[in-house]
């Protein structure tokens, strides 16, 4: 959907690895390499102004799937002209401290509760 909008660039892997807990060590290394490459591409594309949305980046950080030191250096030194939006559960304390907004979404009711699996374009 986003790719159809003007002035939107999406950096996403075409590889579906499934759940981290079921990955082999080789798969974990492969996904780490992919995430680091995507991060480099996005940061290079961004330049000095714009908006960068990092969907589920907290999971990549928590599982060390990206170069966390490089990411933290980017956050600490990013220009004020860049809006950075990060999503995901259990953010590290430094993400909370450097953020302007922190929100938590709590599930009250969800189709999963009725056995409805993830739907393309909604949960996937």
PDB file of N, CA and C in Angstrom:
ATOM      1  N   UNK A   1       0.810  -1.196   0.000  1.00  0.00           N
ATOM      2  CA  UNK A   1       0.000   0.000   0.000  1.00  0.00           C
ATOM      3  C   UNK A   1       0.856   1.264   0.000  1.00  0.00           C
ATOM      4  N   UNK A   2       1.825   1.339   0.895  1.00  0.00           N
ATOM      5  CA  UNK A   2       2.650   2.544   0.997  1.00  0.00           C
ATOM      6  C   UNK A   2       3.413   2.831  -0.292  1.00  0.00           C
ATOM      7  N   UNK A   3       3.841   1.773  -0.971  1.00  0.00           N
ATOM      8  CA  UNK A   3       4.626   1.957  -2.191  1.00  0.00           C
ATOM      9  C   UNK A   3       3.850   2.697  -3.273  1.00  0.00           C
ATOM     10  N   UNK A   4       2.542   2.694  -3.180  1.00  0.00           N
ATOM     11  CA  UNK A   4       1.709   3.366  -4.178  1.00  0.00           C
ATOM     12  C   UNK A   4       1.592   4.867  -3.930  1.00  0.00           C
ATOM     13  N   UNK A   5       1.947   5.317  -2.742  1.00  0.00           N
ATOM     14  CA  UNK A   5       1.832   6.734  -2.399  1.00  0.00           C
ATOM     15  C   UNK A   5       3.038   7.508  -2.920  1.00  0.00           C
ATOM     16  N   UNK A   6       2.806   8.729  -3.422  1.00  0.00           N
ATOM     17  CA  UNK A   6       3.940   9.526  -3.898  1.00  0.00           C
ATOM     18  C   UNK A   6       4.841   9.942  -2.733  1.00  0.00           C
ATOM     19  N   UNK A   7       6.121  10.067  -3.014  1.00  0.00           N
ATOM     20  CA  UNK A   7       7.117  10.532  -2.044  1.00  0.00           C
ATOM     21  C   UNK A   7       7.297   9.596  -0.856  1.00  0.00           C
ATOM     22  N   UNK A   8       6.930   8.342  -1.023  1.00  0.00           N
ATOM     23  CA  UNK A   8       7.119   7.350   0.033  1.00  0.00           C
ATOM     24  C   UNK A   8       8.100   6.305  -0.479  1.00  0.00           C
ATOM     25  N   UNK A   9       9.120   6.044   0.294  1.00  0.00           N
ATOM     26  CA  UNK A   9      10.086   5.008  -0.052  1.00  0.00           C
ATOM     27  C   UNK A   9      10.054   3.972   1.066  1.00  0.00           C
ATOM     28  N   UNK A  10       9.833   2.731   0.712  1.00  0.00           N
ATOM     29  CA  UNK A  10       9.732   1.656   1.695  1.00  0.00           C
ATOM     30  C   UNK A  10      10.972   0.777   1.580  1.00  0.00           C
ATOM     31  N   UNK A  11      11.634   0.569   2.700  1.00  0.00           N
ATOM     32  CA  UNK A  11      12.768  -0.340   2.763  1.00  0.00           C
ATOM     33  C   UNK A  11      12.308  -1.556   3.552  1.00  0.00           C
ATOM     34  N   UNK A  12      12.186  -2.672   2.873  1.00  0.00           N
ATOM     35  CA  UNK A  12      11.657  -3.869   3.515  1.00  0.00           C
ATOM     36  C   UNK A  12      12.293  -5.086   2.876  1.00  0.00           C
ATOM     37  N   UNK A  13      12.549  -6.083   3.681  1.00  0.00           N
ATOM     38  CA  UNK A  13      13.072  -7.339   3.162  1.00  0.00           C
ATOM     39  C   UNK A  13      11.938  -8.138   2.529  1.00  0.00           C
ATOM     40  N   UNK A  14      12.253  -8.831   1.468  1.00  0.00           N
ATOM     41  CA  UNK A  14      11.275  -9.724   0.848  1.00  0.00           C
ATOM     42  C   UNK A  14      11.346 -11.127   1.431  1.00  0.00           C
ATOM     43  N   UNK A  15      12.216 -11.310   2.412  1.00  0.00           N
ATOM     44  CA  UNK A  15      12.406 -12.616   3.030  1.00  0.00           C
ATOM     45  C   UNK A  15      11.554 -12.706   4.290  1.00  0.00           C
ATOM     46  N   UNK A  16      10.776 -13.770   4.407  1.00  0.00           N
ATOM     47  CA  UNK A  16       9.974 -14.006   5.614  1.00  0.00           C
ATOM     48  C   UNK A  16      10.651 -15.103   6.419  1.00  0.00           C
ATOM     49  N   UNK A  17      11.168 -14.736   7.574  1.00  0.00           N
ATOM     50  CA  UNK A  17      11.908 -15.682   8.394  1.00  0.00           C
ATOM     51  C   UNK A  17      11.045 -16.380   9.438  1.00  0.00           C
ATOM     52  N   UNK A  18       9.854 -15.928   9.662  1.00  0.00           N
ATOM     53  CA  UNK A  18       9.039 -16.507  10.719  1.00  0.00           C
ATOM     54  C   UNK A  18       9.442 -15.944  12.071  1.00  0.00           C
ATOM     55  N   UNK A  19       9.212 -16.713  13.100  1.00  0.00           N
ATOM     56  CA  UNK A  19       9.491 -16.254  14.456  1.00  0.00           C
ATOM     57  C   UNK A  19      10.963 -16.434  14.808  1.00  0.00           C
ATOM     58  N   UNK A  20      11.506 -15.443  15.493  1.00  0.00           N
ATOM     59  CA  UNK A  20      12.921 -15.446  15.865  1.00  0.00           C
ATOM     60  C   UNK A  20      13.280 -16.683  16.680  1.00  0.00           C
ATOM     61  N   UNK A  21      12.401 -17.085  17.577  1.00  0.00           N
ATOM     62  CA  UNK A  21      12.696 -18.219  18.465  1.00  0.00           C
ATOM     63  C   UNK A  21      12.848 -19.538  17.712  1.00  0.00           C
ATOM     64  N   UNK A  22      12.346 -19.613  16.485  1.00  0.00           N
ATOM     65  CA  UNK A  22      12.450 -20.862  15.715  1.00  0.00           C
ATOM     66  C   UNK A  22      13.553 -20.810  14.660  1.00  0.00           C
ATOM     67  N   UNK A  23      14.279 -19.701  14.579  1.00  0.00           N
ATOM     68  CA  UNK A  23      15.328 -19.555  13.567  1.00  0.00           C
ATOM     69  C   UNK A  23      16.591 -20.300  13.960  1.00  0.00           C
ATOM     70  N   UNK A  24      17.285 -20.803  12.948  1.00  0.00           N
ATOM     71  CA  UNK A  24      18.609 -21.384  13.166  1.00  0.00           C
ATOM     72  C   UNK A  24      19.607 -20.236  13.336  1.00  0.00           C
ATOM     73  N   UNK A  25      20.804 -20.553  13.800  1.00  0.00           N
ATOM     74  CA  UNK A  25      21.835 -19.521  13.945  1.00  0.00           C
ATOM     75  C   UNK A  25      22.165 -18.882  12.596  1.00  0.00           C
ATOM     76  N   UNK A  26      22.195 -19.687  11.531  1.00  0.00           N
ATOM     77  CA  UNK A  26      22.462 -19.143  10.195  1.00  0.00           C
ATOM     78  C   UNK A  26      21.366 -18.181   9.762  1.00  0.00           C
ATOM     79  N   UNK A  27      20.114 -18.518  10.038  1.00  0.00           N
ATOM     80  CA  UNK A  27      18.998 -17.628   9.694  1.00  0.00           C
ATOM     81  C   UNK A  27      19.078 -16.330  10.493  1.00  0.00           C
ATOM     82  N   UNK A  28      19.441 -16.439  11.773  1.00  0.00           N
ATOM     83  CA  UNK A  28      19.581 -15.239  12.605  1.00  0.00           C
ATOM     84  C   UNK A  28      20.677 -14.326  12.063  1.00  0.00           C
ATOM     85  N   UNK A  29      21.785 -14.908  11.636  1.00  0.00           N
ATOM     86  CA  UNK A  29      22.863 -14.098  11.062  1.00  0.00           C
ATOM     87  C   UNK A  29      22.412 -13.468   9.748  1.00  0.00           C
ATOM     88  N   UNK A  30      21.689 -14.237   8.939  1.00  0.00           N
ATOM     89  CA  UNK A  30      21.202 -13.735   7.647  1.00  0.00           C
ATOM     90  C   UNK A  30      20.235 -12.568   7.847  1.00  0.00           C
ATOM     91  N   UNK A  31      19.307 -12.695   8.776  1.00  0.00           N
ATOM     92  CA  UNK A  31      18.345 -11.608   9.008  1.00  0.00           C
ATOM     93  C   UNK A  31      19.046 -10.389   9.605  1.00  0.00           C
ATOM     94  N   UNK A  32      20.073 -10.603  10.417  1.00  0.00           N
ATOM     95  CA  UNK A  32      20.845  -9.486  10.960  1.00  0.00           C
ATOM     96  C   UNK A  32      21.533  -8.723   9.830  1.00  0.00           C
ATOM     97  N   UNK A  33      22.125  -9.450   8.897  1.00  0.00           N
ATOM     98  CA  UNK A  33      22.768  -8.808   7.748  1.00  0.00           C
ATOM     99  C   UNK A  33      21.753  -8.013   6.927  1.00  0.00           C
ATOM    100  N   UNK A  34      20.580  -8.590   6.713  1.00  0.00           N
ATOM    101  CA  UNK A  34      19.528  -7.905   5.951  1.00  0.00           C
ATOM    102  C   UNK A  34      19.089  -6.634   6.673  1.00  0.00           C
ATOM    103  N   UNK A  35      18.846  -6.726   7.986  1.00  0.00           N
ATOM    104  CA  UNK A  35      18.403  -5.551   8.746  1.00  0.00           C
ATOM    105  C   UNK A  35      19.454  -4.437   8.717  1.00  0.00           C
ATOM    106  N   UNK A  36      20.720  -4.791   8.886  1.00  0.00           N
ATOM    107  CA  UNK A  36      21.774  -3.775   8.853  1.00  0.00           C
ATOM    108  C   UNK A  36      21.855  -3.108   7.482  1.00  0.00           C
ATOM    109  N   UNK A  37      21.694  -3.888   6.429  1.00  0.00           N
ATOM    110  CA  UNK A  37      21.710  -3.333   5.077  1.00  0.00           C
ATOM    111  C   UNK A  37      20.523  -2.396   4.854  1.00  0.00           C
ATOM    112  N   UNK A  38      19.345  -2.794   5.312  1.00  0.00           N
ATOM    113  CA  UNK A  38      18.158  -1.946   5.188  1.00  0.00           C
ATOM    114  C   UNK A  38      18.326  -0.643   5.964  1.00  0.00           C
ATOM    115  N   UNK A  39      18.903  -0.739   7.171  1.00  0.00           N
ATOM    116  CA  UNK A  39      19.123   0.460   7.976  1.00  0.00           C
ATOM    117  C   UNK A  39      20.077   1.410   7.249  1.00  0.00           C
ATOM    118  N   UNK A  40      21.157   0.877   6.688  1.00  0.00           N
ATOM    119  CA  UNK A  40      22.112   1.707   5.947  1.00  0.00           C
ATOM    120  C   UNK A  40      21.427   2.389   4.762  1.00  0.00           C
ATOM    121  N   UNK A  41      20.637   1.632   4.006  1.00  0.00           N
ATOM    122  CA  UNK A  41      19.938   2.194   2.847  1.00  0.00           C
ATOM    123  C   UNK A  41      18.980   3.306   3.263  1.00  0.00           C
ATOM    124  N   UNK A  42      18.236   3.075   4.334  1.00  0.00           N
ATOM    125  CA  UNK A  42      17.255   4.066   4.791  1.00  0.00           C
ATOM    126  C   UNK A  42      17.940   5.336   5.276  1.00  0.00           C
ATOM    127  N   UNK A  43      19.010   5.200   6.027  1.00  0.00           N
ATOM    128  CA  UNK A  43      19.718   6.376   6.544  1.00  0.00           C
ATOM    129  C   UNK A  43      20.366   7.169   5.413  1.00  0.00           C
ATOM    130  N   UNK A  44      20.891   6.468   4.424  1.00  0.00           N
ATOM    131  CA  UNK A  44      21.491   7.143   3.272  1.00  0.00           C
ATOM    132  C   UNK A  44      20.424   7.877   2.459  1.00  0.00           C
ATOM    133  N   UNK A  45      19.287   7.257   2.275  1.00  0.00           N
ATOM    134  CA  UNK A  45      18.192   7.852   1.510  1.00  0.00           C
ATOM    135  C   UNK A  45      17.634   9.088   2.205  1.00  0.00           C
ATOM    136  N   UNK A  46      17.560   9.014   3.524  1.00  0.00           N
ATOM    137  CA  UNK A  46      16.911  10.059   4.302  1.00  0.00           C
ATOM    138  C   UNK A  46      17.594  11.411   4.168  1.00  0.00           C
ATOM    139  N   UNK A  47      18.898  11.436   4.210  1.00  0.00           N
ATOM    140  CA  UNK A  47      19.603  12.716   4.131  1.00  0.00           C
ATOM    141  C   UNK A  47      19.441  13.513   5.407  1.00  0.00           C
ATOM    142  N   UNK A  48      19.075  14.792   5.276  1.00  0.00           N
ATOM    143  CA  UNK A  48      19.029  15.673   6.436  1.00  0.00           C
ATOM    144  C   UNK A  48      17.634  16.143   6.801  1.00  0.00           C
ATOM    145  N   UNK A  49      16.621  15.718   6.050  1.00  0.00           N
ATOM    146  CA  UNK A  49      15.260  16.091   6.434  1.00  0.00           C
ATOM    147  C   UNK A  49      14.283  15.023   5.973  1.00  0.00           C
ATOM    148  N   UNK A  50      13.139  15.005   6.601  1.00  0.00           N
ATOM    149  CA  UNK A  50      12.111  14.047   6.237  1.00  0.00           C
ATOM    150  C   UNK A  50      11.624  13.265   7.433  1.00  0.00           C
ATOM    151  N   UNK A  51      10.914  12.206   7.141  1.00  0.00           N
ATOM    152  CA  UNK A  51      10.374  11.340   8.183  1.00  0.00           C
ATOM    153  C   UNK A  51      10.828   9.917   7.913  1.00  0.00           C
ATOM    154  N   UNK A  52      11.280   9.265   8.957  1.00  0.00           N
ATOM    155  CA  UNK A  52      11.702   7.879   8.883  1.00  0.00           C
ATOM    156  C   UNK A  52      10.843   7.088   9.851  1.00  0.00           C
ATOM    157  N   UNK A  53      10.096   6.117   9.340  1.00  0.00           N
ATOM    158  CA  UNK A  53       9.265   5.247  10.164  1.00  0.00           C
ATOM    159  C   UNK A  53       9.959   3.897  10.230  1.00  0.00           C
ATOM    160  N   UNK A  54      10.315   3.484  11.431  1.00  0.00           N
ATOM    161  CA  UNK A  54      10.984   2.207  11.655  1.00  0.00           C
ATOM    162  C   UNK A  54      10.011   1.284  12.374  1.00  0.00           C
ATOM    163  N   UNK A  55       9.261   0.547  11.583  1.00  0.00           N
ATOM    164  CA  UNK A  55       8.226  -0.325  12.117  1.00  0.00           C
ATOM    165  C   UNK A  55       8.858  -1.527  12.812  1.00  0.00           C
ATOM    166  N   UNK A  56       8.464  -1.765  14.039  1.00  0.00           N
ATOM    167  CA  UNK A  56       8.936  -2.884  14.861  1.00  0.00           C
ATOM    168  C   UNK A  56      10.449  -2.857  15.089  1.00  0.00           C
ATOM    169  N   UNK A  57      11.039  -1.677  15.098  1.00  0.00           N
ATOM    170  CA  UNK A  57      12.482  -1.570  15.293  1.00  0.00           C
ATOM    171  C   UNK A  57      12.900  -2.010  16.692  1.00  0.00           C
ATOM    172  N   UNK A  58      12.007  -1.904  17.672  1.00  0.00           N
ATOM    173  CA  UNK A  58      12.398  -2.318  19.027  1.00  0.00           C
ATOM    174  C   UNK A  58      12.728  -3.807  19.074  1.00  0.00           C
ATOM    175  N   UNK A  59      12.061  -4.612  18.257  1.00  0.00           N
ATOM    176  CA  UNK A  59      12.378  -6.046  18.213  1.00  0.00           C
ATOM    177  C   UNK A  59      13.767  -6.259  17.613  1.00  0.00           C
ATOM    178  N   UNK A  60      14.075  -5.515  16.549  1.00  0.00           N
ATOM    179  CA  UNK A  60      15.399  -5.624  15.937  1.00  0.00           C
ATOM    180  C   UNK A  60      16.486  -5.237  16.937  1.00  0.00           C
ATOM    181  N   UNK A  61      16.207  -4.238  17.756  1.00  0.00           N
ATOM    182  CA  UNK A  61      17.167  -3.819  18.779  1.00  0.00           C
ATOM    183  C   UNK A  61      17.254  -4.860  19.889  1.00  0.00           C
ATOM    184  N   UNK A  62      16.116  -5.303  20.396  1.00  0.00           N
ATOM    185  CA  UNK A  62      16.101  -6.240  21.519  1.00  0.00           C
ATOM    186  C   UNK A  62      16.743  -7.579  21.184  1.00  0.00           C
ATOM    187  N   UNK A  63      16.673  -7.993  19.918  1.00  0.00           N
ATOM    188  CA  UNK A  63      17.269  -9.264  19.497  1.00  0.00           C
ATOM    189  C   UNK A  63      18.617  -9.063  18.794  1.00  0.00           C
ATOM    190  N   UNK A  64      19.150  -7.825  18.876  1.00  0.00           N
ATOM    191  CA  UNK A  64      20.443  -7.501  18.256  1.00  0.00           C
ATOM    192  C   UNK A  64      20.472  -7.839  16.772  1.00  0.00           C
ATOM    193  N   UNK A  65      19.386  -7.531  16.083  1.00  0.00           N
ATOM    194  CA  UNK A  65      19.297  -7.792  14.651  1.00  0.00           C
ATOM    195  C   UNK A  65      19.781  -6.611  13.815  1.00  0.00           C
ATOM    196  N   UNK A  66      20.161  -5.528  14.476  1.00  0.00           N
ATOM    197  CA  UNK A  66      20.801  -4.401  13.801  1.00  0.00           C
ATOM    198  C   UNK A  66      22.003  -3.987  14.631  1.00  0.00           C
ATOM    199  N   UNK A  67      22.860  -3.204  14.043  1.00  0.00           N
ATOM    200  CA  UNK A  67      24.010  -2.665  14.755  1.00  0.00           C
ATOM    201  C   UNK A  67      23.485  -1.598  15.721  1.00  0.00           C
ATOM    202  N   UNK A  68      23.291  -1.989  16.974  1.00  0.00           N
ATOM    203  CA  UNK A  68      22.643  -1.113  17.955  1.00  0.00           C
ATOM    204  C   UNK A  68      23.472   0.128  18.265  1.00  0.00           C
ATOM    205  N   UNK A  69      24.799   0.004  18.264  1.00  0.00           N
ATOM    206  CA  UNK A  69      25.649   1.174  18.523  1.00  0.00           C
ATOM    207  C   UNK A  69      25.495   2.205  17.410  1.00  0.00           C
ATOM    208  N   UNK A  70      25.500   1.736  16.175  1.00  0.00           N
ATOM    209  CA  UNK A  70      25.338   2.648  15.040  1.00  0.00           C
ATOM    210  C   UNK A  70      23.958   3.295  15.073  1.00  0.00           C
ATOM    211  N   UNK A  71      22.948   2.525  15.423  1.00  0.00           N
ATOM    212  CA  UNK A  71      21.591   3.049  15.499  1.00  0.00           C
ATOM    213  C   UNK A  71      21.496   4.114  16.589  1.00  0.00           C
ATOM    214  N   UNK A  72      22.092   3.829  17.736  1.00  0.00           N
ATOM    215  CA  UNK A  72      22.057   4.800  18.837  1.00  0.00           C
ATOM    216  C   UNK A  72      22.814   6.077  18.464  1.00  0.00           C
ATOM    217  N   UNK A  73      23.931   5.932  17.777  1.00  0.00           N
ATOM    218  CA  UNK A  73      24.677   7.100  17.310  1.00  0.00           C
ATOM    219  C   UNK A  73      23.821   7.936  16.372  1.00  0.00           C
ATOM    220  N   UNK A  74      23.074   7.265  15.485  1.00  0.00           N
ATOM    221  CA  UNK A  74      22.168   7.984  14.584  1.00  0.00           C
ATOM    222  C   UNK A  74      21.117   8.753  15.377  1.00  0.00           C
ATOM    223  N   UNK A  75      20.497   8.103  16.349  1.00  0.00           N
ATOM    224  CA  UNK A  75      19.452   8.758  17.147  1.00  0.00           C
ATOM    225  C   UNK A  75      20.023   9.967  17.882  1.00  0.00           C
ATOM    226  N   UNK A  76      21.181   9.785  18.501  1.00  0.00           N
ATOM    227  CA  UNK A  76      21.786  10.870  19.281  1.00  0.00           C
ATOM    228  C   UNK A  76      22.205  12.051  18.414  1.00  0.00           C
ATOM    229  N   UNK A  77      22.561  11.797  17.148  1.00  0.00           N
ATOM    230  CA  UNK A  77      23.066  12.868  16.307  1.00  0.00           C
ATOM    231  C   UNK A  77      22.162  13.290  15.168  1.00  0.00           C
ATOM    232  N   UNK A  78      20.949  12.759  15.131  1.00  0.00           N
ATOM    233  CA  UNK A  78      20.074  13.069  13.989  1.00  0.00           C
ATOM    234  C   UNK A  78      19.678  14.540  14.004  1.00  0.00           C
ATOM    235  N   UNK A  79      19.570  15.137  12.816  1.00  0.00           N
ATOM    236  CA  UNK A  79      19.138  16.537  12.742  1.00  0.00           C
ATOM    237  C   UNK A  79      17.708  16.705  13.261  1.00  0.00           C
ATOM    238  N   UNK A  80      17.423  17.877  13.806  1.00  0.00           N
ATOM    239  CA  UNK A  80      16.065  18.168  14.287  1.00  0.00           C
ATOM    240  C   UNK A  80      15.051  18.101  13.151  1.00  0.00           C
ATOM    241  N   UNK A  81      15.510  18.267  11.923  1.00  0.00           N
ATOM    242  CA  UNK A  81      14.609  18.277  10.767  1.00  0.00           C
ATOM    243  C   UNK A  81      14.125  16.886  10.373  1.00  0.00           C
ATOM    244  N   UNK A  82      14.622  15.859  11.046  1.00  0.00           N
ATOM    245  CA  UNK A  82      14.187  14.488  10.772  1.00  0.00           C
ATOM    246  C   UNK A  82      13.204  14.050  11.846  1.00  0.00           C
ATOM    247  N   UNK A  83      12.014  13.686  11.410  1.00  0.00           N
ATOM    248  CA  UNK A  83      11.032  13.084  12.320  1.00  0.00           C
ATOM    249  C   UNK A  83      11.283  11.586  12.318  1.00  0.00           C
ATOM    250  N   UNK A  84      11.491  11.022  13.476  1.00  0.00           N
ATOM    251  CA  UNK A  84      11.763   9.599  13.601  1.00  0.00           C
ATOM    252  C   UNK A  84      10.617   8.947  14.353  1.00  0.00           C
ATOM    253  N   UNK A  85       9.971   7.982  13.725  1.00  0.00           N
ATOM    254  CA  UNK A  85       8.867   7.246  14.335  1.00  0.00           C
ATOM    255  C   UNK A  85       9.322   5.800  14.483  1.00  0.00           C
ATOM    256  N   UNK A  86       9.285   5.298  15.707  1.00  0.00           N
ATOM    257  CA  UNK A  86       9.699   3.922  15.980  1.00  0.00           C
ATOM    258  C   UNK A  86       8.535   3.180  16.617  1.00  0.00           C
ATOM    259  N   UNK A  87       8.327   1.938  16.193  1.00  0.00           N
ATOM    260  CA  UNK A  87       7.265   1.139  16.786  1.00  0.00           C
ATOM    261  C   UNK A  87       7.841  -0.158  17.331  1.00  0.00           C
ATOM    262  N   UNK A  88       7.046  -0.813  18.160  1.00  0.00           N
ATOM    263  CA  UNK A  88       7.423  -2.105  18.719  1.00  0.00           C
ATOM    264  C   UNK A  88       7.257  -2.126  20.226  1.00  0.00           C
ATOM    265  N   UNK A  89       7.276  -3.320  20.744  1.00  0.00           N
ATOM    266  CA  UNK A  89       7.116  -3.516  22.195  1.00  0.00           C
ATOM    267  C   UNK A  89       8.452  -3.448  22.923  1.00  0.00           C
ATOM    268  N   UNK A  90       8.358  -3.181  24.204  1.00  0.00           N
ATOM    269  CA  UNK A  90       9.504  -3.226  25.118  1.00  0.00           C
ATOM    270  C   UNK A  90      10.706  -2.416  24.633  1.00  0.00           C
ATOM    271  N   UNK A  91      10.521  -1.113  24.415  1.00  0.00           N
ATOM    272  CA  UNK A  91      11.661  -0.301  23.973  1.00  0.00           C
ATOM    273  C   UNK A  91      12.720  -0.202  25.065  1.00  0.00           C
ATOM    274  N   UNK A  92      13.965  -0.141  24.637  1.00  0.00           N
ATOM    275  CA  UNK A  92      15.063   0.062  25.578  1.00  0.00           C
ATOM    276  C   UNK A  92      14.892   1.428  26.237  1.00  0.00           C
ATOM    277  N   UNK A  93      15.428   1.565  27.423  1.00  0.00           N
ATOM    278  CA  UNK A  93      15.276   2.807  28.186  1.00  0.00           C
ATOM    279  C   UNK A  93      15.803   4.018  27.420  1.00  0.00           C
ATOM    280  N   UNK A  94      16.920   3.857  26.705  1.00  0.00           N
ATOM    281  CA  UNK A  94      17.464   5.007  25.980  1.00  0.00           C
ATOM    282  C   UNK A  94      16.517   5.480  24.884  1.00  0.00           C
ATOM    283  N   UNK A  95      15.707   4.586  24.309  1.00  0.00           N
ATOM    284  CA  UNK A  95      14.718   5.016  23.316  1.00  0.00           C
ATOM    285  C   UNK A  95      13.631   5.857  23.973  1.00  0.00           C
ATOM    286  N   UNK A  96      13.204   5.440  25.142  1.00  0.00           N
ATOM    287  CA  UNK A  96      12.179   6.189  25.876  1.00  0.00           C
ATOM    288  C   UNK A  96      12.721   7.561  26.277  1.00  0.00           C
ATOM    289  N   UNK A  97      13.963   7.592  26.760  1.00  0.00           N
ATOM    290  CA  UNK A  97      14.563   8.849  27.216  1.00  0.00           C
ATOM    291  C   UNK A  97      14.740   9.857  26.087  1.00  0.00           C
ATOM    292  N   UNK A  98      15.081   9.397  24.898  1.00  0.00           N
ATOM    293  CA  UNK A  98      15.339  10.328  23.794  1.00  0.00           C
ATOM    294  C   UNK A  98      14.083  10.686  23.008  1.00  0.00           C
ATOM    295  N   UNK A  99      13.005   9.972  23.225  1.00  0.00           N
ATOM    296  CA  UNK A  99      11.775  10.204  22.455  1.00  0.00           C
ATOM    297  C   UNK A  99      11.038  11.448  22.934  1.00  0.00           C
ATOM    298  N   UNK A 100      10.326  12.080  22.015  1.00  0.00           N
ATOM    299  CA  UNK A 100       9.428  13.176  22.374  1.00  0.00           C
ATOM    300  C   UNK A 100       8.069  12.637  22.803  1.00  0.00           C
ATOM    301  N   UNK A 101       7.644  11.562  22.178  1.00  0.00           N
ATOM    302  CA  UNK A 101       6.362  10.925  22.502  1.00  0.00           C
ATOM    303  C   UNK A 101       6.612   9.444  22.747  1.00  0.00           C
ATOM    304  N   UNK A 102       5.950   8.897  23.741  1.00  0.00           N
ATOM    305  CA  UNK A 102       5.958   7.453  23.966  1.00  0.00           C
ATOM    306  C   UNK A 102       4.523   7.042  24.239  1.00  0.00           C
ATOM    307  N   UNK A 103       4.031   6.116  23.440  1.00  0.00           N
ATOM    308  CA  UNK A 103       2.662   5.628  23.609  1.00  0.00           C
ATOM    309  C   UNK A 103       2.692   4.120  23.760  1.00  0.00           C
ATOM    310  N   UNK A 104       1.718   3.614  24.464  1.00  0.00           N
ATOM    311  CA  UNK A 104       1.584   2.172  24.618  1.00  0.00           C
ATOM    312  C   UNK A 104       0.173   1.788  24.200  1.00  0.00           C
ATOM    313  N   UNK A 105       0.093   0.814  23.320  1.00  0.00           N
ATOM    314  CA  UNK A 105      -1.209   0.337  22.857  1.00  0.00           C
ATOM    315  C   UNK A 105      -1.518  -0.961  23.586  1.00  0.00           C
ATOM    316  N   UNK A 106      -2.682  -1.025  24.149  1.00  0.00           N
ATOM    317  CA  UNK A 106      -3.092  -2.211  24.903  1.00  0.00           C
ATOM    318  C   UNK A 106      -4.252  -2.882  24.178  1.00  0.00           C
ATOM    319  N   UNK A 107      -4.113  -4.176  23.946  1.00  0.00           N
ATOM    320  CA  UNK A 107      -5.184  -4.928  23.316  1.00  0.00           C
ATOM    321  C   UNK A 107      -6.323  -5.109  24.309  1.00  0.00           C
ATOM    322  N   UNK A 108      -7.493  -4.708  23.901  1.00  0.00           N
ATOM    323  CA  UNK A 108      -8.702  -4.954  24.676  1.00  0.00           C
ATOM    324  C   UNK A 108      -9.484  -6.079  24.011  1.00  0.00           C
ATOM    325  N   UNK A 109      -9.523  -6.055  22.696  1.00  0.00           N
ATOM    326  CA  UNK A 109     -10.227  -7.067  21.922  1.00  0.00           C
ATOM    327  C   UNK A 109      -9.513  -7.190  20.583  1.00  0.00           C
ATOM    328  N   UNK A 110      -9.389  -8.411  20.072  1.00  0.00           N
ATOM    329  CA  UNK A 110      -8.674  -8.630  18.818  1.00  0.00           C
ATOM    330  C   UNK A 110      -9.243  -9.863  18.129  1.00  0.00           C
ATOM    331  N   UNK A 111      -9.269  -9.881  16.787  1.00  0.00           N
ATOM    332  CA  UNK A 111      -9.759 -11.067  16.074  1.00  0.00           C
ATOM    333  C   UNK A 111      -8.996 -12.348  16.420  1.00  0.00           C
ATOM    334  N   UNK A 112      -7.731 -12.239  16.820  1.00  0.00           N
ATOM    335  CA  UNK A 112      -6.975 -13.419  17.241  1.00  0.00           C
ATOM    336  C   UNK A 112      -7.704 -14.161  18.354  1.00  0.00           C
ATOM    337  N   UNK A 113      -8.393 -13.412  19.222  1.00  0.00           N
ATOM    338  CA  UNK A 113      -9.118 -14.017  20.341  1.00  0.00           C
ATOM    339  C   UNK A 113     -10.198 -14.981  19.856  1.00  0.00           C
ATOM    340  N   UNK A 114     -10.687 -14.768  18.628  1.00  0.00           N
ATOM    341  CA  UNK A 114     -11.729 -15.627  18.052  1.00  0.00           C
ATOM    342  C   UNK A 114     -11.150 -16.639  17.073  1.00  0.00           C
ATOM    343  N   UNK A 115      -9.820 -16.753  17.060  1.00  0.00           N
ATOM    344  CA  UNK A 115      -9.174 -17.729  16.192  1.00  0.00           C
ATOM    345  C   UNK A 115      -8.924 -17.249  14.773  1.00  0.00           C
ATOM    346  N   UNK A 116      -9.140 -15.971  14.512  1.00  0.00           N
ATOM    347  CA  UNK A 116      -8.897 -15.425  13.174  1.00  0.00           C
ATOM    348  C   UNK A 116      -7.404 -15.135  13.051  1.00  0.00           C
ATOM    349  N   UNK A 117      -6.775 -15.722  12.046  1.00  0.00           N
ATOM    350  CA  UNK A 117      -5.334 -15.555  11.878  1.00  0.00           C
ATOM    351  C   UNK A 117      -5.016 -14.220  11.212  1.00  0.00           C
ATOM    352  N   UNK A 118      -3.735 -13.915  11.167  1.00  0.00           N
ATOM    353  CA  UNK A 118      -3.268 -12.650  10.591  1.00  0.00           C
ATOM    354  C   UNK A 118      -3.727 -12.510   9.146  1.00  0.00           C
ATOM    355  N   UNK A 119      -4.163 -11.298   8.806  1.00  0.00           N
ATOM    356  CA  UNK A 119      -4.687 -11.026   7.468  1.00  0.00           C
ATOM    357  C   UNK A 119      -3.755 -10.080   6.723  1.00  0.00           C
ATOM    358  N   UNK A 120      -3.536 -10.384   5.446  1.00  0.00           N
ATOM    359  CA  UNK A 120      -2.666  -9.552   4.617  1.00  0.00           C
ATOM    360  C   UNK A 120      -3.251  -8.144   4.522  1.00  0.00           C
ATOM    361  N   UNK A 121      -2.413  -7.162   4.749  1.00  0.00           N
ATOM    362  CA  UNK A 121      -2.850  -5.776   4.697  1.00  0.00           C
ATOM    363  C   UNK A 121      -3.366  -5.253   6.024  1.00  0.00           C
ATOM    364  N   UNK A 122      -3.567  -6.136   6.989  1.00  0.00           N
ATOM    365  CA  UNK A 122      -4.039  -5.724   8.318  1.00  0.00           C
ATOM    366  C   UNK A 122      -2.933  -6.004   9.341  1.00  0.00           C
ATOM    367  N   UNK A 123      -2.734  -7.269   9.681  1.00  0.00           N
ATOM    368  CA  UNK A 123      -1.682  -7.632  10.639  1.00  0.00           C
ATOM    369  C   UNK A 123      -0.357  -7.953   9.947  1.00  0.00           C
ATOM    370  N   UNK A 124      -0.414  -8.268   8.688  1.00  0.00           N
ATOM    371  CA  UNK A 124       0.808  -8.608   7.941  1.00  0.00           C
ATOM    372  C   UNK A 124       1.180  -7.486   7.005  1.00  0.00           C
TER     373      UNK A 124
END
